[in-house]
């Protein structure tokens, strides 16, 4: 297993500013999404489906491999003008 940190923004912020997760070594962003799902209340699960994960430099594809001790941000969709 490997440790990663998720920074929470927008509608996820009531859960705190960060969340620590453990995922298998070699886990993909999709694996992180599934692990994070288990920590969400019912009302935020649909939002997770349309949110993206990013590292310090880029928005990550679902098949991107997560490096141990990474910090990822979850980016919910935004709207407004």
N, C-alpha and C. Protein backbone atom coordinates (compact mmCIF):
# COMPACT_ATOMS: atom_id res chain seq x y z
N UNK A 1 0.85 -1.19 0.00
CA UNK A 1 0.00 0.00 0.00
C UNK A 1 0.89 1.24 0.00
N UNK A 2 0.30 2.32 -0.49
CA UNK A 2 1.00 3.60 -0.50
C UNK A 2 0.06 4.69 0.01
N UNK A 3 0.65 5.69 0.62
CA UNK A 3 -0.11 6.82 1.15
C UNK A 3 -0.16 7.94 0.13
N UNK A 4 -1.33 8.55 0.01
CA UNK A 4 -1.48 9.76 -0.79
C UNK A 4 -2.35 10.74 -0.01
N UNK A 5 -2.26 12.00 -0.38
CA UNK A 5 -3.06 13.05 0.24
C UNK A 5 -3.94 13.67 -0.82
N UNK A 6 -5.20 13.88 -0.48
CA UNK A 6 -6.15 14.54 -1.39
C UNK A 6 -6.49 15.90 -0.81
N UNK A 7 -6.28 16.96 -1.58
CA UNK A 7 -6.72 18.30 -1.20
C UNK A 7 -8.16 18.46 -1.65
N UNK A 8 -9.00 18.97 -0.76
CA UNK A 8 -10.44 19.07 -1.04
C UNK A 8 -10.84 20.52 -1.29
N UNK A 9 -11.65 20.72 -2.32
CA UNK A 9 -12.12 22.06 -2.70
C UNK A 9 -13.61 22.04 -2.95
N UNK A 10 -14.21 23.21 -3.01
CA UNK A 10 -15.61 23.35 -3.37
C UNK A 10 -16.53 22.58 -2.44
N UNK A 11 -17.44 21.83 -3.01
CA UNK A 11 -18.44 21.08 -2.24
C UNK A 11 -17.82 20.00 -1.36
N UNK A 12 -16.58 19.61 -1.65
CA UNK A 12 -15.90 18.60 -0.83
C UNK A 12 -15.28 19.19 0.43
N UNK A 13 -15.16 20.52 0.51
CA UNK A 13 -14.48 21.18 1.62
C UNK A 13 -15.12 20.90 2.99
N UNK A 14 -16.43 20.70 3.11
CA UNK A 14 -16.97 20.37 4.44
C UNK A 14 -16.37 19.10 5.05
N UNK A 15 -15.72 18.27 4.25
CA UNK A 15 -15.05 17.08 4.76
C UNK A 15 -13.68 17.41 5.35
N UNK A 16 -13.24 18.64 5.18
CA UNK A 16 -11.92 19.09 5.63
C UNK A 16 -11.14 19.65 4.46
N UNK A 17 -9.93 20.09 4.72
CA UNK A 17 -9.12 20.64 3.62
C UNK A 17 -8.27 19.56 2.96
N UNK A 18 -7.97 18.49 3.70
CA UNK A 18 -7.22 17.37 3.12
C UNK A 18 -7.77 16.05 3.66
N UNK A 19 -7.50 14.99 2.93
CA UNK A 19 -7.85 13.64 3.37
C UNK A 19 -6.70 12.72 2.99
N UNK A 20 -6.28 11.90 3.92
CA UNK A 20 -5.24 10.91 3.65
C UNK A 20 -5.91 9.61 3.22
N UNK A 21 -5.35 8.99 2.21
CA UNK A 21 -5.86 7.72 1.70
C UNK A 21 -4.71 6.75 1.54
N UNK A 22 -5.02 5.47 1.63
CA UNK A 22 -4.07 4.44 1.26
C UNK A 22 -4.63 3.71 0.05
N UNK A 23 -3.79 3.56 -0.95
CA UNK A 23 -4.16 2.84 -2.17
C UNK A 23 -3.05 1.85 -2.49
N UNK A 24 -3.34 0.84 -3.28
CA UNK A 24 -2.29 -0.13 -3.63
C UNK A 24 -1.16 0.53 -4.43
N UNK A 25 0.03 0.00 -4.29
CA UNK A 25 1.15 0.49 -5.11
C UNK A 25 0.78 0.29 -6.58
N UNK A 26 1.13 1.26 -7.41
CA UNK A 26 0.79 1.19 -8.82
C UNK A 26 -0.64 1.60 -9.12
N UNK A 27 -1.34 2.19 -8.14
CA UNK A 27 -2.74 2.58 -8.32
C UNK A 27 -2.86 3.69 -9.36
N UNK A 28 -3.99 3.67 -10.06
CA UNK A 28 -4.30 4.71 -11.03
C UNK A 28 -5.20 5.75 -10.38
N UNK A 29 -5.43 6.84 -11.08
CA UNK A 29 -6.37 7.85 -10.62
C UNK A 29 -7.74 7.22 -10.41
N UNK A 30 -8.13 6.33 -11.29
CA UNK A 30 -9.41 5.65 -11.11
C UNK A 30 -9.46 4.89 -9.78
N UNK A 31 -8.37 4.23 -9.42
CA UNK A 31 -8.30 3.52 -8.14
C UNK A 31 -8.43 4.49 -6.97
N UNK A 32 -7.81 5.65 -7.09
CA UNK A 32 -7.93 6.69 -6.05
C UNK A 32 -9.38 7.14 -5.95
N UNK A 33 -10.02 7.36 -7.08
CA UNK A 33 -11.43 7.78 -7.10
C UNK A 33 -12.29 6.75 -6.36
N UNK A 34 -12.07 5.47 -6.61
CA UNK A 34 -12.86 4.43 -5.96
C UNK A 34 -12.59 4.37 -4.46
N UNK A 35 -11.33 4.56 -4.05
CA UNK A 35 -10.99 4.59 -2.63
C UNK A 35 -11.63 5.79 -1.94
N UNK A 36 -11.62 6.93 -2.61
CA UNK A 36 -12.20 8.16 -2.07
C UNK A 36 -13.71 8.03 -1.94
N UNK A 37 -14.33 7.33 -2.85
CA UNK A 37 -15.78 7.13 -2.85
C UNK A 37 -16.26 6.55 -1.52
N UNK A 38 -15.49 5.64 -0.97
CA UNK A 38 -15.85 5.01 0.29
C UNK A 38 -15.88 5.95 1.49
N UNK A 39 -15.32 7.15 1.34
CA UNK A 39 -15.26 8.12 2.43
C UNK A 39 -16.30 9.23 2.27
N UNK A 40 -17.12 9.15 1.23
CA UNK A 40 -18.06 10.24 0.94
C UNK A 40 -19.46 9.95 1.43
N UNK A 41 -20.14 11.00 1.92
CA UNK A 41 -21.57 10.84 2.20
C UNK A 41 -22.34 10.72 0.88
N UNK A 42 -23.51 10.16 0.95
CA UNK A 42 -24.34 9.89 -0.24
C UNK A 42 -24.46 11.12 -1.16
N UNK A 43 -24.65 12.30 -0.60
CA UNK A 43 -24.88 13.50 -1.39
C UNK A 43 -23.72 13.94 -2.26
N UNK A 44 -22.50 13.48 -1.97
CA UNK A 44 -21.34 13.89 -2.75
C UNK A 44 -20.87 12.84 -3.75
N UNK A 45 -21.47 11.68 -3.72
CA UNK A 45 -21.00 10.60 -4.61
C UNK A 45 -21.21 10.92 -6.08
N UNK A 46 -22.35 11.52 -6.43
CA UNK A 46 -22.58 11.89 -7.83
C UNK A 46 -21.60 12.96 -8.29
N UNK A 47 -21.27 13.89 -7.38
CA UNK A 47 -20.32 14.95 -7.72
C UNK A 47 -18.94 14.37 -8.01
N UNK A 48 -18.57 13.34 -7.29
CA UNK A 48 -17.27 12.71 -7.53
C UNK A 48 -17.14 12.20 -8.96
N UNK A 49 -18.23 11.69 -9.51
CA UNK A 49 -18.20 11.15 -10.87
C UNK A 49 -17.81 12.18 -11.92
N UNK A 50 -18.15 13.45 -11.69
CA UNK A 50 -17.88 14.50 -12.67
C UNK A 50 -16.71 15.40 -12.27
N UNK A 51 -16.03 15.03 -11.19
CA UNK A 51 -14.87 15.80 -10.73
C UNK A 51 -13.60 15.20 -11.31
N UNK A 52 -12.56 16.00 -11.36
CA UNK A 52 -11.26 15.55 -11.89
C UNK A 52 -10.21 15.61 -10.80
N UNK A 53 -9.15 14.87 -10.98
CA UNK A 53 -8.01 14.90 -10.07
C UNK A 53 -6.84 15.55 -10.79
N UNK A 54 -6.04 16.28 -10.02
CA UNK A 54 -4.87 16.96 -10.59
C UNK A 54 -3.70 16.83 -9.63
N UNK A 55 -2.49 16.88 -10.19
CA UNK A 55 -1.30 16.99 -9.34
C UNK A 55 -0.85 18.44 -9.39
N UNK A 56 0.38 18.70 -9.03
CA UNK A 56 0.87 20.08 -8.98
C UNK A 56 0.95 20.74 -10.35
N UNK A 57 0.95 19.92 -11.43
CA UNK A 57 1.18 20.48 -12.75
C UNK A 57 0.05 20.33 -13.74
N UNK A 58 -0.78 19.30 -13.58
CA UNK A 58 -1.74 19.01 -14.64
C UNK A 58 -2.96 18.26 -14.11
N UNK A 59 -4.03 18.34 -14.87
CA UNK A 59 -5.20 17.51 -14.61
C UNK A 59 -4.85 16.11 -15.12
N UNK A 60 -5.13 15.12 -14.32
CA UNK A 60 -4.69 13.76 -14.61
C UNK A 60 -5.76 12.93 -15.31
N UNK A 61 -5.32 12.08 -16.21
CA UNK A 61 -6.20 11.11 -16.86
C UNK A 61 -6.54 10.01 -15.86
N UNK A 62 -7.65 9.33 -16.07
CA UNK A 62 -8.09 8.27 -15.17
C UNK A 62 -7.09 7.13 -15.08
N UNK A 63 -6.32 6.90 -16.14
CA UNK A 63 -5.37 5.79 -16.14
C UNK A 63 -3.97 6.20 -15.69
N UNK A 64 -3.79 7.47 -15.29
CA UNK A 64 -2.48 7.92 -14.82
C UNK A 64 -2.13 7.19 -13.52
N UNK A 65 -0.89 6.78 -13.39
CA UNK A 65 -0.42 6.08 -12.20
C UNK A 65 -0.03 7.11 -11.14
N UNK A 66 -0.46 6.85 -9.91
CA UNK A 66 -0.21 7.76 -8.80
C UNK A 66 1.09 7.34 -8.10
N UNK A 67 1.94 8.31 -7.86
CA UNK A 67 3.23 8.07 -7.21
C UNK A 67 3.05 8.13 -5.70
N UNK A 68 3.72 7.25 -4.99
CA UNK A 68 3.62 7.20 -3.53
C UNK A 68 3.92 8.56 -2.91
N UNK A 69 3.18 8.90 -1.88
CA UNK A 69 3.28 10.16 -1.15
C UNK A 69 2.88 11.37 -1.99
N UNK A 70 2.12 11.14 -3.04
CA UNK A 70 1.63 12.23 -3.88
C UNK A 70 0.59 13.05 -3.14
N UNK A 71 0.47 14.29 -3.54
CA UNK A 71 -0.64 15.13 -3.13
C UNK A 71 -1.43 15.44 -4.39
N UNK A 72 -2.70 15.04 -4.38
CA UNK A 72 -3.60 15.30 -5.50
C UNK A 72 -4.68 16.25 -5.04
N UNK A 73 -5.20 17.02 -5.95
CA UNK A 73 -6.35 17.89 -5.67
C UNK A 73 -7.55 17.33 -6.40
N UNK A 74 -8.69 17.32 -5.73
CA UNK A 74 -9.93 16.95 -6.41
C UNK A 74 -10.60 18.24 -6.83
N UNK A 75 -10.93 18.32 -8.10
CA UNK A 75 -11.48 19.55 -8.70
C UNK A 75 -12.92 19.32 -9.12
N UNK A 76 -13.88 19.76 -8.30
CA UNK A 76 -15.27 19.65 -8.72
C UNK A 76 -15.54 20.63 -9.85
N UNK A 77 -16.54 20.36 -10.67
CA UNK A 77 -16.88 21.30 -11.74
C UNK A 77 -17.34 22.63 -11.12
N UNK A 78 -17.12 23.70 -11.85
CA UNK A 78 -17.53 25.03 -11.38
C UNK A 78 -18.42 25.66 -12.43
N UNK A 79 -19.20 26.60 -11.99
CA UNK A 79 -20.01 27.38 -12.93
C UNK A 79 -20.09 28.80 -12.41
N UNK A 80 -20.55 29.66 -13.23
CA UNK A 80 -20.66 31.06 -12.82
C UNK A 80 -20.15 31.97 -13.91
N UNK A 81 -20.13 33.21 -13.62
CA UNK A 81 -19.72 34.16 -14.64
C UNK A 81 -18.76 35.15 -14.14
